[in-house]
Amino acid sequence: MVERDPTAARSPAFAAAPVRAEIDAATLDKLDVRVGTIRAADPIPATDRLAVLTVDFGDRTRSIVAGIRAERSSLASVIGAQALFVLNLPPKTIRGQLSEGMLFDVGFADGLQAAFAQPEWPMPDGVRVG
């Protein structure tokens, strides 16, 4: 499990990005976001950031390519961690690896060290977000 540091300081230079254009609830409802547990994490050769995650969603296991290596000293630290994933994106091949979804993270889009978006306490794999 990834350890959290509740004393980690906020970046003094951080300024929140503007809020994006409004969308309606029907558009948001199209996303199939679920909790999954990372069962394996393997580096993708010839890349500095990419790893292929094997993620358990209860009734299925999927491979998901994610750029998570730069923020972690070891991929072993994410094994057993739960996170949020978008599952209804079309499958895509990234650096020769099939990706069947997308990991939700917090911080990367704002230039911060990325952290997993994850449930507050353990949840069954495959539980929907909403």
C-alpha atoms as a PDB file:
ATOM      1  CA  MET A   1       0.000   0.000   0.000  1.00  0.00           C
ATOM      2  CA  VAL A   2       1.240   3.526  -0.712  1.00  0.00           C
ATOM      3  CA  GLU A   3       1.982   5.372   2.533  1.00  0.00           C
ATOM      4  CA  ARG A   4       0.502   8.844   2.906  1.00  0.00           C
ATOM      5  CA  ASP A   5       2.359  11.689   4.573  1.00  0.00           C
ATOM      6  CA  PRO A   6      -0.248  13.910   6.265  1.00  0.00           C
ATOM      7  CA  THR A   7       2.459  16.465   7.094  1.00  0.00           C
ATOM      8  CA  ALA A   8       3.548  16.995   3.486  1.00  0.00           C
ATOM      9  CA  ALA A   9       3.699  20.721   2.799  1.00  0.00           C
ATOM     10  CA  ARG A  10       1.639  22.352   0.090  1.00  0.00           C
ATOM     11  CA  SER A  11       3.562  23.923  -2.745  1.00  0.00           C
ATOM     12  CA  PRO A  12       3.715  27.659  -1.968  1.00  0.00           C
ATOM     13  CA  ALA A  13       3.857  28.457  -5.692  1.00  0.00           C
ATOM     14  CA  PHE A  14       0.682  26.527  -6.557  1.00  0.00           C
ATOM     15  CA  ALA A  15      -2.229  28.463  -8.038  1.00  0.00           C
ATOM     16  CA  ALA A  16      -5.431  26.619  -8.913  1.00  0.00           C
ATOM     17  CA  ALA A  17      -6.252  26.390 -12.620  1.00  0.00           C
ATOM     18  CA  PRO A  18      -9.459  27.999 -13.879  1.00  0.00           C
ATOM     19  CA  VAL A  19     -12.569  25.814 -13.715  1.00  0.00           C
ATOM     20  CA  ARG A  20     -13.341  24.203 -17.072  1.00  0.00           C
ATOM     21  CA  ALA A  21     -16.535  24.844 -19.032  1.00  0.00           C
ATOM     22  CA  GLU A  22     -19.689  23.412 -17.466  1.00  0.00           C
ATOM     23  CA  ILE A  23     -20.988  20.035 -18.576  1.00  0.00           C
ATOM     24  CA  ASP A  24     -24.361  18.519 -17.855  1.00  0.00           C
ATOM     25  CA  ALA A  25     -24.935  15.537 -15.574  1.00  0.00           C
ATOM     26  CA  ALA A  26     -25.734  13.294 -18.567  1.00  0.00           C
ATOM     27  CA  THR A  27     -22.231  13.880 -19.947  1.00  0.00           C
ATOM     28  CA  LEU A  28     -20.637  13.075 -16.598  1.00  0.00           C
ATOM     29  CA  ASP A  29     -22.787   9.929 -16.271  1.00  0.00           C
ATOM     30  CA  LYS A  30     -21.181   8.547 -19.447  1.00  0.00           C
ATOM     31  CA  LEU A  31     -17.908   7.951 -17.600  1.00  0.00           C
ATOM     32  CA  ASP A  32     -17.612   4.488 -16.048  1.00  0.00           C
ATOM     33  CA  VAL A  33     -15.239   5.116 -13.141  1.00  0.00           C
ATOM     34  CA  ARG A  34     -14.553   2.190 -10.803  1.00  0.00           C
ATOM     35  CA  VAL A  35     -12.362   1.154  -7.909  1.00  0.00           C
ATOM     36  CA  GLY A  36      -9.692  -1.404  -8.746  1.00  0.00           C
ATOM     37  CA  THR A  37      -6.826  -3.023  -6.857  1.00  0.00           C
ATOM     38  CA  ILE A  38      -3.400  -3.064  -8.498  1.00  0.00           C
ATOM     39  CA  ARG A  39      -2.170  -6.680  -8.504  1.00  0.00           C
ATOM     40  CA  ALA A  40       1.001  -6.208 -10.588  1.00  0.00           C
ATOM     41  CA  ALA A  41       3.035  -3.278 -11.920  1.00  0.00           C
ATOM     42  CA  ASP A  42       5.746  -3.788 -14.515  1.00  0.00           C
ATOM     43  CA  PRO A  43       7.957  -1.181 -16.182  1.00  0.00           C
ATOM     44  CA  ILE A  44       7.597  -0.714 -19.909  1.00  0.00           C
ATOM     45  CA  PRO A  45      11.100  -1.050 -21.406  1.00  0.00           C
ATOM     46  CA  ALA A  46      12.732   2.002 -22.993  1.00  0.00           C
ATOM     47  CA  THR A  47      10.498   4.432 -21.078  1.00  0.00           C
ATOM     48  CA  ASP A  48      11.174   6.469 -17.945  1.00  0.00           C
ATOM     49  CA  ARG A  49       7.572   6.937 -16.768  1.00  0.00           C
ATOM     50  CA  LEU A  50       5.368   4.174 -18.141  1.00  0.00           C
ATOM     51  CA  ALA A  51       4.283   1.001 -16.393  1.00  0.00           C
ATOM     52  CA  VAL A  52       1.661  -1.585 -17.226  1.00  0.00           C
ATOM     53  CA  LEU A  53      -0.643  -2.242 -14.289  1.00  0.00           C
ATOM     54  CA  THR A  54      -2.660  -5.421 -13.844  1.00  0.00           C
ATOM     55  CA  VAL A  55      -5.808  -4.239 -12.080  1.00  0.00           C
ATOM     56  CA  ASP A  56      -8.514  -6.357 -10.433  1.00  0.00           C
ATOM     57  CA  PHE A  57     -12.062  -5.072 -10.906  1.00  0.00           C
ATOM     58  CA  GLY A  58     -13.796  -7.996  -9.213  1.00  0.00           C
ATOM     59  CA  ASP A  59     -15.371  -9.639 -12.253  1.00  0.00           C
ATOM     60  CA  ARG A  60     -12.490  -8.844 -14.608  1.00  0.00           C
ATOM     61  CA  THR A  61      -8.800  -8.010 -14.669  1.00  0.00           C
ATOM     62  CA  ARG A  62      -7.491  -5.348 -17.031  1.00  0.00           C
ATOM     63  CA  SER A  63      -4.126  -4.067 -18.187  1.00  0.00           C
ATOM     64  CA  ILE A  64      -3.762  -0.316 -17.824  1.00  0.00           C
ATOM     65  CA  VAL A  65      -0.742   1.686 -18.961  1.00  0.00           C
ATOM     66  CA  ALA A  66       0.054   4.598 -16.654  1.00  0.00           C
ATOM     67  CA  GLY A  67       2.886   7.099 -16.319  1.00  0.00           C
ATOM     68  CA  ILE A  68       3.609   6.456 -12.637  1.00  0.00           C
ATOM     69  CA  ARG A  69       7.284   5.485 -12.436  1.00  0.00           C
ATOM     70  CA  ALA A  70       8.840   8.937 -11.986  1.00  0.00           C
ATOM     71  CA  GLU A  71       6.938   9.592  -8.738  1.00  0.00           C
ATOM     72  CA  ARG A  72       7.902   6.327  -7.063  1.00  0.00           C
ATOM     73  CA  SER A  73      11.184   4.747  -6.061  1.00  0.00           C
ATOM     74  CA  SER A  74       9.717   1.297  -6.708  1.00  0.00           C
ATOM     75  CA  LEU A  75       6.683  -0.020  -8.548  1.00  0.00           C
ATOM     76  CA  ALA A  76       6.346  -2.573  -5.741  1.00  0.00           C
ATOM     77  CA  SER A  77       4.959   0.257  -3.583  1.00  0.00           C
ATOM     78  CA  VAL A  78       1.727   0.345  -5.608  1.00  0.00           C
ATOM     79  CA  ILE A  79       0.968  -3.393  -5.436  1.00  0.00           C
ATOM     80  CA  GLY A  80      -2.192  -3.844  -3.387  1.00  0.00           C
ATOM     81  CA  ALA A  81      -3.192  -0.184  -3.651  1.00  0.00           C
ATOM     82  CA  GLN A  82      -6.713   0.705  -4.667  1.00  0.00           C
ATOM     83  CA  ALA A  83      -7.295   3.548  -7.103  1.00  0.00           C
ATOM     84  CA  LEU A  84      -9.955   4.962  -9.427  1.00  0.00           C
ATOM     85  CA  PHE A  85      -9.942   4.034 -13.116  1.00  0.00           C
ATOM     86  CA  VAL A  86     -12.000   5.003 -16.173  1.00  0.00           C
ATOM     87  CA  LEU A  87     -13.059   1.736 -17.824  1.00  0.00           C
ATOM     88  CA  ASN A  88     -15.165   2.720 -20.827  1.00  0.00           C
ATOM     89  CA  LEU A  89     -12.456   4.266 -22.982  1.00  0.00           C
ATOM     90  CA  PRO A  90     -11.577   2.424 -26.194  1.00  0.00           C
ATOM     91  CA  PRO A  91      -8.598   0.052 -25.786  1.00  0.00           C
ATOM     92  CA  LYS A  92      -5.347   1.637 -26.943  1.00  0.00           C
ATOM     93  CA  THR A  93      -1.872   0.273 -27.598  1.00  0.00           C
ATOM     94  CA  ILE A  94       0.808   2.390 -25.911  1.00  0.00           C
ATOM     95  CA  ARG A  95       4.473   1.489 -26.516  1.00  0.00           C
ATOM     96  CA  GLY A  96       3.399  -1.993 -27.555  1.00  0.00           C
ATOM     97  CA  GLN A  97       1.223  -2.583 -24.461  1.00  0.00           C
ATOM     98  CA  LEU A  98      -2.577  -2.801 -24.503  1.00  0.00           C
ATOM     99  CA  SER A  99      -4.239  -0.289 -22.181  1.00  0.00           C
ATOM    100  CA  GLU A 100      -7.861  -1.051 -21.290  1.00  0.00           C
ATOM    101  CA  GLY A 101      -8.628   2.037 -19.224  1.00  0.00           C
ATOM    102  CA  MET A 102      -7.103   5.061 -17.538  1.00  0.00           C
ATOM    103  CA  LEU A 103      -5.824   5.665 -14.021  1.00  0.00           C
ATOM    104  CA  PHE A 104      -7.193   8.748 -12.267  1.00  0.00           C
ATOM    105  CA  ASP A 105      -4.485  10.719 -10.514  1.00  0.00           C
ATOM    106  CA  VAL A 106      -4.368  13.961  -8.599  1.00  0.00           C
ATOM    107  CA  GLY A 107      -1.773  16.660  -9.222  1.00  0.00           C
ATOM    108  CA  PHE A 108      -0.116  15.704 -12.520  1.00  0.00           C
ATOM    109  CA  ALA A 109      -2.217  18.113 -14.632  1.00  0.00           C
ATOM    110  CA  ASP A 110      -1.055  20.953 -12.365  1.00  0.00           C
ATOM    111  CA  GLY A 111       2.621  20.040 -12.452  1.00  0.00           C
ATOM    112  CA  LEU A 112       2.647  18.512  -8.968  1.00  0.00           C
ATOM    113  CA  GLN A 113       3.869  15.093  -7.882  1.00  0.00           C
ATOM    114  CA  ALA A 114       0.990  12.860  -8.911  1.00  0.00           C
ATOM    115  CA  ALA A 115      -0.909  10.787  -6.365  1.00  0.00           C
ATOM    116  CA  PHE A 116      -3.594   8.178  -6.944  1.00  0.00           C
ATOM    117  CA  ALA A 117      -7.230   9.201  -6.620  1.00  0.00           C
ATOM    118  CA  GLN A 118      -8.404   6.487  -4.253  1.00  0.00           C
ATOM    119  CA  PRO A 119     -11.219   5.602  -1.867  1.00  0.00           C
ATOM    120  CA  GLU A 120     -10.999   6.810   1.714  1.00  0.00           C
ATOM    121  CA  TRP A 121     -11.215   3.214   3.002  1.00  0.00           C
ATOM    122  CA  PRO A 122     -11.056  -0.208   1.282  1.00  0.00           C
ATOM    123  CA  MET A 123     -13.913  -0.882  -1.125  1.00  0.00           C
ATOM    124  CA  PRO A 124     -14.871  -3.975  -3.141  1.00  0.00           C
ATOM    125  CA  ASP A 125     -13.119  -4.098  -6.506  1.00  0.00           C
ATOM    126  CA  GLY A 126     -15.405  -2.954  -9.300  1.00  0.00           C
ATOM    127  CA  VAL A 127     -17.466  -0.535  -7.187  1.00  0.00           C
ATOM    128  CA  ARG A 128     -18.666   2.379  -9.322  1.00  0.00           C
ATOM    129  CA  VAL A 129     -17.939   6.011  -8.559  1.00  0.00           C
ATOM    130  CA  GLY A 130     -20.835   8.408  -8.676  1.00  0.00           C
END
